[in-house]
Amino acid sequence: MDTPALLAFVFSYVLIALSPGLCMTLSMTLGISIGVRRTLWMMAGELAGVMVVAIASFAGVTALMLNYPGIFTWARLAAAAYLTWTAVKTWRAATDIAGTNRAASLTEQQLVVQGFVTATSNPKGWIFLAALLPAFVDPDRAVMPQALLMLPIMAVIEFASLLLYAAGGRTLRELLVRRGLGHWLHRLSAAMMFGIAAWLVLS
């Protein structure tokens, strides 16, 4: 991949990563309810999921997935059910206005699974990468070296975007606490998770 093509790829992926999709909304939601540090566990799962989707796109698996949309349907429904369950637990969780109790019911493993499932069950993510990645692959060169160059770049951009959204959620949390509205934190977070679940079902 030459330099102009690489720069074009970076610019294109930055625009995609920064757009307010499912994963970014989830990152902001968790930034509100559990803070940036614990949201890192969700980010780890999400990044793993994005890498799986990207590798599948390079391998041509995406074409198979798009030809059998039933796979997406079941994956979306399972992810929506999981997020709904998490939202219900978050809604019922007791909120500490001082911020000392940060959704302790969500374990690190649950956060990782949440990120991975959200990333891999989003059909728009598959479609975006299926359309984007081949456009920047030089057919006259080996695919593997190009993939090994693009995947770390994608991971860095994705991680930076997730951090940005989570930090935005944390800032919103601090604003609500200062205004004496800390009791709405878990409800706001739960409502956003319900929205993500509905988004998955309707997408």
C-alpha atoms as a PDB file:
ATOM      1  CA  MET A   1       0.000   0.000   0.000  1.00  0.00           C
ATOM      2  CA  ASP A   2       1.515   3.325  -1.040  1.00  0.00           C
ATOM      3  CA  THR A   3       1.438   6.433   1.144  1.00  0.00           C
ATOM      4  CA  PRO A   4      -1.535   8.237  -0.513  1.00  0.00           C
ATOM      5  CA  ALA A   5      -3.673   5.090  -0.264  1.00  0.00           C
ATOM      6  CA  LEU A   6      -2.649   4.603   3.374  1.00  0.00           C
ATOM      7  CA  LEU A   7      -3.535   8.189   4.267  1.00  0.00           C
ATOM      8  CA  ALA A   8      -6.877   7.850   2.482  1.00  0.00           C
ATOM      9  CA  PHE A   9      -7.582   4.661   4.439  1.00  0.00           C
ATOM     10  CA  VAL A  10      -6.712   6.330   7.760  1.00  0.00           C
ATOM     11  CA  PHE A  11      -8.946   9.321   6.995  1.00  0.00           C
ATOM     12  CA  SER A  12     -11.836   7.090   5.912  1.00  0.00           C
ATOM     13  CA  TYR A  13     -11.624   4.872   8.980  1.00  0.00           C
ATOM     14  CA  VAL A  14     -11.390   7.851  11.345  1.00  0.00           C
ATOM     15  CA  LEU A  15     -14.687   9.127   9.941  1.00  0.00           C
ATOM     16  CA  ILE A  16     -16.310   5.706  10.375  1.00  0.00           C
ATOM     17  CA  ALA A  17     -14.939   5.171  13.886  1.00  0.00           C
ATOM     18  CA  LEU A  18     -16.018   8.596  15.140  1.00  0.00           C
ATOM     19  CA  SER A  19     -19.568   8.249  13.816  1.00  0.00           C
ATOM     20  CA  PRO A  20     -22.095   7.596  16.626  1.00  0.00           C
ATOM     21  CA  GLY A  21     -22.805   3.916  16.042  1.00  0.00           C
ATOM     22  CA  LEU A  22     -23.706   1.073  18.382  1.00  0.00           C
ATOM     23  CA  CYS A  23     -20.256   0.547  19.885  1.00  0.00           C
ATOM     24  CA  MET A  24     -19.577   4.237  20.454  1.00  0.00           C
ATOM     25  CA  THR A  25     -22.984   4.707  22.059  1.00  0.00           C
ATOM     26  CA  LEU A  26     -22.295   1.737  24.325  1.00  0.00           C
ATOM     27  CA  SER A  27     -18.918   3.198  25.294  1.00  0.00           C
ATOM     28  CA  MET A  28     -20.529   6.514  26.238  1.00  0.00           C
ATOM     29  CA  THR A  29     -23.269   4.697  28.149  1.00  0.00           C
ATOM     30  CA  LEU A  30     -20.754   2.738  30.214  1.00  0.00           C
ATOM     31  CA  GLY A  31     -18.658   5.865  30.683  1.00  0.00           C
ATOM     32  CA  ILE A  32     -21.718   7.361  32.380  1.00  0.00           C
ATOM     33  CA  SER A  33     -22.483   4.396  34.603  1.00  0.00           C
ATOM     34  CA  ILE A  34     -19.116   2.833  35.450  1.00  0.00           C
ATOM     35  CA  GLY A  35     -16.442   5.330  34.379  1.00  0.00           C
ATOM     36  CA  VAL A  36     -13.685   5.159  31.789  1.00  0.00           C
ATOM     37  CA  ARG A  37     -11.389   2.759  33.657  1.00  0.00           C
ATOM     38  CA  ARG A  38     -13.908  -0.092  33.929  1.00  0.00           C
ATOM     39  CA  THR A  39     -15.206   0.617  30.423  1.00  0.00           C
ATOM     40  CA  LEU A  40     -11.759  -0.446  29.180  1.00  0.00           C
ATOM     41  CA  TRP A  41     -12.917  -4.047  29.629  1.00  0.00           C
ATOM     42  CA  MET A  42     -15.792  -3.475  27.213  1.00  0.00           C
ATOM     43  CA  MET A  43     -13.366  -1.783  24.829  1.00  0.00           C
ATOM     44  CA  ALA A  44     -11.130  -4.863  24.872  1.00  0.00           C
ATOM     45  CA  GLY A  45     -14.058  -7.036  23.821  1.00  0.00           C
ATOM     46  CA  GLU A  46     -15.187  -4.532  21.208  1.00  0.00           C
ATOM     47  CA  LEU A  47     -11.722  -4.279  19.680  1.00  0.00           C
ATOM     48  CA  ALA A  48     -11.489  -8.068  19.511  1.00  0.00           C
ATOM     49  CA  GLY A  49     -14.872  -8.138  17.790  1.00  0.00           C
ATOM     50  CA  VAL A  50     -13.873  -5.491  15.254  1.00  0.00           C
ATOM     51  CA  MET A  51     -10.678  -7.392  14.492  1.00  0.00           C
ATOM     52  CA  VAL A  52     -12.716 -10.582  13.918  1.00  0.00           C
ATOM     53  CA  VAL A  53     -15.012  -8.730  11.509  1.00  0.00           C
ATOM     54  CA  ALA A  54     -12.039  -7.128   9.720  1.00  0.00           C
ATOM     55  CA  ILE A  55     -10.159 -10.427   9.348  1.00  0.00           C
ATOM     56  CA  ALA A  56     -13.335 -12.072   8.070  1.00  0.00           C
ATOM     57  CA  SER A  57     -13.695  -9.252   5.551  1.00  0.00           C
ATOM     58  CA  PHE A  58     -10.144  -9.797   4.318  1.00  0.00           C
ATOM     59  CA  ALA A  59     -10.821 -13.535   4.093  1.00  0.00           C
ATOM     60  CA  GLY A  60     -14.017 -13.067   2.106  1.00  0.00           C
ATOM     61  CA  VAL A  61     -16.274 -14.432   4.837  1.00  0.00           C
ATOM     62  CA  THR A  62     -18.351 -11.262   4.721  1.00  0.00           C
ATOM     63  CA  ALA A  63     -19.772 -12.239   1.331  1.00  0.00           C
ATOM     64  CA  LEU A  64     -21.030 -15.472   2.879  1.00  0.00           C
ATOM     65  CA  MET A  65     -22.569 -13.619   5.815  1.00  0.00           C
ATOM     66  CA  LEU A  66     -24.330 -11.152   3.542  1.00  0.00           C
ATOM     67  CA  ASN A  67     -25.732 -13.983   1.424  1.00  0.00           C
ATOM     68  CA  TYR A  68     -27.224 -15.592   4.537  1.00  0.00           C
ATOM     69  CA  PRO A  69     -28.805 -12.691   6.461  1.00  0.00           C
ATOM     70  CA  GLY A  70     -30.457 -15.137   8.870  1.00  0.00           C
ATOM     71  CA  ILE A  71     -27.103 -15.368  10.650  1.00  0.00           C
ATOM     72  CA  PHE A  72     -27.296 -11.648  11.354  1.00  0.00           C
ATOM     73  CA  THR A  73     -30.875 -11.928  12.552  1.00  0.00           C
ATOM     74  CA  TRP A  74     -30.084 -14.479  15.234  1.00  0.00           C
ATOM     75  CA  ALA A  75     -26.903 -12.671  16.261  1.00  0.00           C
ATOM     76  CA  ARG A  76     -28.753  -9.355  16.558  1.00  0.00           C
ATOM     77  CA  LEU A  77     -31.567 -10.860  18.603  1.00  0.00           C
ATOM     78  CA  ALA A  78     -29.114 -12.558  20.972  1.00  0.00           C
ATOM     79  CA  ALA A  79     -27.148  -9.331  21.413  1.00  0.00           C
ATOM     80  CA  ALA A  80     -30.340  -7.316  21.940  1.00  0.00           C
ATOM     81  CA  ALA A  81     -31.538  -9.784  24.578  1.00  0.00           C
ATOM     82  CA  TYR A  82     -28.198  -9.584  26.407  1.00  0.00           C
ATOM     83  CA  LEU A  83     -28.178  -5.784  26.354  1.00  0.00           C
ATOM     84  CA  THR A  84     -31.798  -5.673  27.550  1.00  0.00           C
ATOM     85  CA  TRP A  85     -30.911  -7.941  30.470  1.00  0.00           C
ATOM     86  CA  THR A  86     -27.964  -5.696  31.327  1.00  0.00           C
ATOM     87  CA  ALA A  87     -30.166  -2.594  31.060  1.00  0.00           C
ATOM     88  CA  VAL A  88     -32.702  -4.075  33.479  1.00  0.00           C
ATOM     89  CA  LYS A  89     -29.936  -4.832  35.998  1.00  0.00           C
ATOM     90  CA  THR A  90     -28.558  -1.312  35.584  1.00  0.00           C
ATOM     91  CA  TRP A  91     -31.990   0.255  36.054  1.00  0.00           C
ATOM     92  CA  ARG A  92     -32.510  -1.679  39.278  1.00  0.00           C
ATOM     93  CA  ALA A  93     -29.031  -0.961  40.619  1.00  0.00           C
ATOM     94  CA  ALA A  94     -28.786   1.405  43.547  1.00  0.00           C
ATOM     95  CA  THR A  95     -27.078   4.664  42.594  1.00  0.00           C
ATOM     96  CA  ASP A  96     -24.538   6.308  44.801  1.00  0.00           C
ATOM     97  CA  ILE A  97     -24.573  10.034  43.996  1.00  0.00           C
ATOM     98  CA  ALA A  98     -20.980  10.370  45.163  1.00  0.00           C
ATOM     99  CA  GLY A  99     -20.015   7.879  42.492  1.00  0.00           C
ATOM    100  CA  THR A 100     -18.535   5.236  44.777  1.00  0.00           C
ATOM    101  CA  ASN A 101     -20.892   2.478  43.604  1.00  0.00           C
ATOM    102  CA  ARG A 102     -20.333   2.155  39.870  1.00  0.00           C
ATOM    103  CA  ALA A 103     -22.567  -0.644  38.667  1.00  0.00           C
ATOM    104  CA  ALA A 104     -20.609  -3.264  40.573  1.00  0.00           C
ATOM    105  CA  SER A 105     -23.011  -5.913  39.298  1.00  0.00           C
ATOM    106  CA  LEU A 106     -21.297  -5.817  35.894  1.00  0.00           C
ATOM    107  CA  THR A 107     -18.261  -8.105  36.038  1.00  0.00           C
ATOM    108  CA  GLU A 108     -15.165  -7.685  33.902  1.00  0.00           C
ATOM    109  CA  GLN A 109     -16.096 -10.798  31.913  1.00  0.00           C
ATOM    110  CA  GLN A 110     -19.592  -9.439  31.249  1.00  0.00           C
ATOM    111  CA  LEU A 111     -18.149  -6.174  29.994  1.00  0.00           C
ATOM    112  CA  VAL A 112     -15.770  -7.987  27.615  1.00  0.00           C
ATOM    113  CA  VAL A 113     -18.613 -10.154  26.289  1.00  0.00           C
ATOM    114  CA  GLN A 114     -20.841  -7.113  25.922  1.00  0.00           C
ATOM    115  CA  GLY A 115     -18.271  -5.330  23.766  1.00  0.00           C
ATOM    116  CA  PHE A 116     -17.479  -8.381  21.644  1.00  0.00           C
ATOM    117  CA  VAL A 117     -21.121  -9.300  21.024  1.00  0.00           C
ATOM    118  CA  THR A 118     -22.072  -5.727  20.140  1.00  0.00           C
ATOM    119  CA  ALA A 119     -19.214  -5.428  17.632  1.00  0.00           C
ATOM    120  CA  THR A 120     -19.759  -8.775  15.911  1.00  0.00           C
ATOM    121  CA  SER A 121     -23.564  -8.686  15.797  1.00  0.00           C
ATOM    122  CA  ASN A 122     -23.855  -5.296  14.118  1.00  0.00           C
ATOM    123  CA  PRO A 123     -24.573  -5.882  10.391  1.00  0.00           C
ATOM    124  CA  LYS A 124     -23.671  -2.296   9.550  1.00  0.00           C
ATOM    125  CA  GLY A 125     -20.149  -2.945  10.820  1.00  0.00           C
ATOM    126  CA  TRP A 126     -19.799  -5.934   8.514  1.00  0.00           C
ATOM    127  CA  ILE A 127     -21.157  -3.983   5.552  1.00  0.00           C
ATOM    128  CA  PHE A 128     -18.919  -0.966   6.204  1.00  0.00           C
ATOM    129  CA  LEU A 129     -15.767  -3.064   6.435  1.00  0.00           C
ATOM    130  CA  ALA A 130     -16.767  -5.266   3.508  1.00  0.00           C
ATOM    131  CA  ALA A 131     -17.098  -2.128   1.393  1.00  0.00           C
ATOM    132  CA  LEU A 132     -14.133  -0.237   2.832  1.00  0.00           C
ATOM    133  CA  LEU A 133     -11.286  -2.720   3.128  1.00  0.00           C
ATOM    134  CA  PRO A 134     -11.262  -4.155  -0.424  1.00  0.00           C
ATOM    135  CA  ALA A 135     -11.133  -0.623  -1.811  1.00  0.00           C
ATOM    136  CA  PHE A 136      -7.705  -0.120  -0.228  1.00  0.00           C
ATOM    137  CA  VAL A 137      -6.240  -3.550  -0.931  1.00  0.00           C
ATOM    138  CA  ASP A 138      -3.838  -3.629  -3.885  1.00  0.00           C
ATOM    139  CA  PRO A 139      -4.766  -6.788  -5.859  1.00  0.00           C
ATOM    140  CA  ASP A 140      -1.273  -6.906  -7.357  1.00  0.00           C
ATOM    141  CA  ARG A 141       0.304  -7.408  -3.932  1.00  0.00           C
ATOM    142  CA  ALA A 142      -0.044 -10.078  -1.265  1.00  0.00           C
ATOM    143  CA  VAL A 143      -3.100  -9.486   0.928  1.00  0.00           C
ATOM    144  CA  MET A 144      -1.567 -10.628   4.231  1.00  0.00           C
ATOM    145  CA  PRO A 145       1.122  -7.885   4.528  1.00  0.00           C
ATOM    146  CA  GLN A 146      -1.481  -5.260   3.691  1.00  0.00           C
ATOM    147  CA  ALA A 147      -3.866  -6.681   6.295  1.00  0.00           C
ATOM    148  CA  LEU A 148      -1.109  -6.713   8.918  1.00  0.00           C
ATOM    149  CA  LEU A 149      -0.533  -3.026   8.202  1.00  0.00           C
ATOM    150  CA  MET A 150      -4.194  -1.995   8.254  1.00  0.00           C
ATOM    151  CA  LEU A 151      -5.411  -3.973  11.281  1.00  0.00           C
ATOM    152  CA  PRO A 152      -3.203  -2.224  13.907  1.00  0.00           C
ATOM    153  CA  ILE A 153      -4.148   1.158  12.439  1.00  0.00           C
ATOM    154  CA  MET A 154      -7.827   0.240  12.748  1.00  0.00           C
ATOM    155  CA  ALA A 155      -7.331  -0.914  16.335  1.00  0.00           C
ATOM    156  CA  VAL A 156      -5.617   2.330  17.371  1.00  0.00           C
ATOM    157  CA  ILE A 157      -8.279   4.521  15.742  1.00  0.00           C
ATOM    158  CA  GLU A 158     -11.108   2.436  17.178  1.00  0.00           C
ATOM    159  CA  PHE A 159      -9.614   2.514  20.676  1.00  0.00           C
ATOM    160  CA  ALA A 160      -9.106   6.285  20.552  1.00  0.00           C
ATOM    161  CA  SER A 161     -12.714   6.785  19.457  1.00  0.00           C
ATOM    162  CA  LEU A 162     -14.029   4.527  22.234  1.00  0.00           C
ATOM    163  CA  LEU A 163     -11.982   6.449  24.788  1.00  0.00           C
ATOM    164  CA  LEU A 164     -13.345   9.736  23.482  1.00  0.00           C
ATOM    165  CA  TYR A 165     -16.958   8.580  23.820  1.00  0.00           C
ATOM    166  CA  ALA A 166     -16.373   7.048  27.261  1.00  0.00           C
ATOM    167  CA  ALA A 167     -14.733  10.265  28.450  1.00  0.00           C
ATOM    168  CA  GLY A 168     -17.745  12.179  27.158  1.00  0.00           C
ATOM    169  CA  GLY A 169     -19.991   9.908  29.210  1.00  0.00           C
ATOM    170  CA  ARG A 170     -17.857  10.443  32.308  1.00  0.00           C
ATOM    171  CA  THR A 171     -18.049  14.212  31.822  1.00  0.00           C
ATOM    172  CA  LEU A 172     -21.834  13.979  31.569  1.00  0.00           C
ATOM    173  CA  ARG A 173     -21.849  11.948  34.784  1.00  0.00           C
ATOM    174  CA  GLU A 174     -19.837  14.584  36.619  1.00  0.00           C
ATOM    175  CA  LEU A 175     -22.166  17.300  35.318  1.00  0.00           C
ATOM    176  CA  LEU A 176     -25.234  15.459  36.570  1.00  0.00           C
ATOM    177  CA  VAL A 177     -23.661  14.824  39.974  1.00  0.00           C
ATOM    178  CA  ARG A 178     -22.730  18.502  40.378  1.00  0.00           C
ATOM    179  CA  ARG A 179     -26.314  19.487  39.609  1.00  0.00           C
ATOM    180  CA  GLY A 180     -27.705  17.053  42.133  1.00  0.00           C
ATOM    181  CA  LEU A 181     -29.090  14.695  39.486  1.00  0.00           C
ATOM    182  CA  GLY A 182     -26.863  11.727  40.310  1.00  0.00           C
ATOM    183  CA  HIS A 183     -29.881   9.520  40.960  1.00  0.00           C
ATOM    184  CA  TRP A 184     -30.636   9.620  37.226  1.00  0.00           C
ATOM    185  CA  LEU A 185     -27.253   8.179  36.202  1.00  0.00           C
ATOM    186  CA  HIS A 186     -28.208   4.505  36.177  1.00  0.00           C
ATOM    187  CA  ARG A 187     -31.593   5.233  34.624  1.00  0.00           C
ATOM    188  CA  LEU A 188     -29.988   7.253  31.847  1.00  0.00           C
ATOM    189  CA  SER A 189     -27.452   4.497  31.246  1.00  0.00           C
ATOM    190  CA  ALA A 190     -30.169   1.827  31.246  1.00  0.00           C
ATOM    191  CA  ALA A 191     -32.333   3.850  28.848  1.00  0.00           C
ATOM    192  CA  MET A 192     -29.418   4.137  26.421  1.00  0.00           C
ATOM    193  CA  MET A 193     -28.807   0.383  26.621  1.00  0.00           C
ATOM    194  CA  PHE A 194     -32.481  -0.231  25.877  1.00  0.00           C
ATOM    195  CA  GLY A 195     -32.041   2.067  22.881  1.00  0.00           C
ATOM    196  CA  ILE A 196     -29.023   0.113  21.642  1.00  0.00           C
ATOM    197  CA  ALA A 197     -30.977  -3.153  21.988  1.00  0.00           C
ATOM    198  CA  ALA A 198     -33.873  -1.673  19.983  1.00  0.00           C
ATOM    199  CA  TRP A 199     -31.382  -0.401  17.400  1.00  0.00           C
ATOM    200  CA  LEU A 200     -30.016  -3.916  16.961  1.00  0.00           C
ATOM    201  CA  VAL A 201     -33.479  -5.416  16.533  1.00  0.00           C
ATOM    202  CA  LEU A 202     -34.650  -2.796  14.046  1.00  0.00           C
ATOM    203  CA  SER A 203     -31.418  -2.471  12.031  1.00  0.00           C
END
